[in-house]
Each structure stands twice: as structure tokens, then as C-alpha cells.
Amino acid sequence: MDKKTKKKLEILRQRLEKTQKLLVAARQQTDEADEVEKIEQQIADIKMEVSKLKS
């Protein structure tokens, strides 16, 4: 794995952590139900991109 890929993975991990925190906060606030679904989709997209880079 080259430096560029490692850096991209690190950034994706940071985004994943941040997005998971947003998901927790969104679940506590039940005023926008579709927001939780959007955040869950973002998490799935990030995880898919990480798995692509690892393979």
C-alpha cells in the first residue's frame, strides 16, 4: 500500500468516526427521521470505500 492510499484510509477513518458521532446525536433528536437514514447511508458509503482501498 502506498503513502497516498494510507493517507486516504486515515482520512476515511476520521470521517467514519465523525459520522458515527453524528448518527448518535441524530438518534437522540427524533425531530428528523430521514436524517438518521441519510447518515447511515453515508456510513455505509465510507465503509465501502475503505474496503475498496484495502483490496
Protein backbone atom coordinates (compact mmCIF):
# COMPACT_ATOMS: atom_id res chain seq x y z
CA MET A 1 0.00 0.00 0.00
CA ASP A 2 1.47 3.34 -0.99
CA LYS A 3 1.52 6.57 1.02
CA LYS A 4 -1.38 8.08 -0.88
CA THR A 5 -3.65 5.11 -0.15
CA LYS A 6 -2.65 5.06 3.51
CA LYS A 7 -3.43 8.78 3.82
CA LYS A 8 -6.81 8.33 2.15
CA LEU A 9 -7.63 5.44 4.53
CA GLU A 10 -6.72 7.59 7.52
CA ILE A 11 -8.97 10.40 6.30
CA LEU A 12 -11.82 7.95 5.68
CA ARG A 13 -11.43 6.54 9.20
CA GLN A 14 -11.66 10.05 10.63
CA ARG A 15 -14.77 10.77 8.54
CA LEU A 16 -16.30 7.49 9.69
CA GLU A 17 -15.71 8.32 13.34
CA LYS A 18 -17.19 11.80 12.91
CA THR A 19 -20.21 10.46 11.02
CA GLN A 20 -20.86 7.81 13.66
CA LYS A 21 -20.92 10.54 16.32
CA LEU A 22 -23.42 12.47 14.19
CA LEU A 23 -25.56 9.35 13.98
CA VAL A 24 -25.68 9.02 17.75
CA ALA A 25 -26.71 12.66 18.08
CA ALA A 26 -29.32 12.32 15.32
CA ARG A 27 -30.88 9.30 17.03
CA GLN A 28 -31.21 11.30 20.25
CA GLN A 29 -33.06 14.04 18.36
CA THR A 30 -36.09 12.40 16.83
CA ASP A 31 -37.38 15.50 15.03
CA GLU A 32 -35.97 14.49 11.60
CA ALA A 33 -36.37 10.78 10.88
CA ASP A 34 -34.85 10.91 7.40
CA GLU A 35 -31.64 12.42 8.78
CA VAL A 36 -30.79 9.12 10.52
CA GLU A 37 -31.23 7.24 7.25
CA LYS A 38 -29.00 9.71 5.39
CA ILE A 39 -26.24 9.39 7.98
CA GLU A 40 -26.49 5.59 7.94
CA GLN A 41 -26.11 5.69 4.15
CA GLN A 42 -23.05 7.93 4.48
CA ILE A 43 -21.51 5.43 6.91
CA ALA A 44 -22.19 2.57 4.50
CA ASP A 45 -20.60 4.53 1.65
CA ILE A 46 -17.49 5.27 3.71
CA LYS A 47 -17.15 1.62 4.74
CA MET A 48 -17.49 0.50 1.13
CA GLU A 49 -14.80 2.95 0.02
CA VAL A 50 -12.47 1.70 2.80
CA SER A 51 -12.97 -1.91 1.73
CA LYS A 52 -12.21 -0.98 -1.90
CA LEU A 53 -8.94 0.65 -0.87
CA LYS A 54 -7.91 -2.30 1.27
CA SER A 55 -8.37 -4.80 -1.53
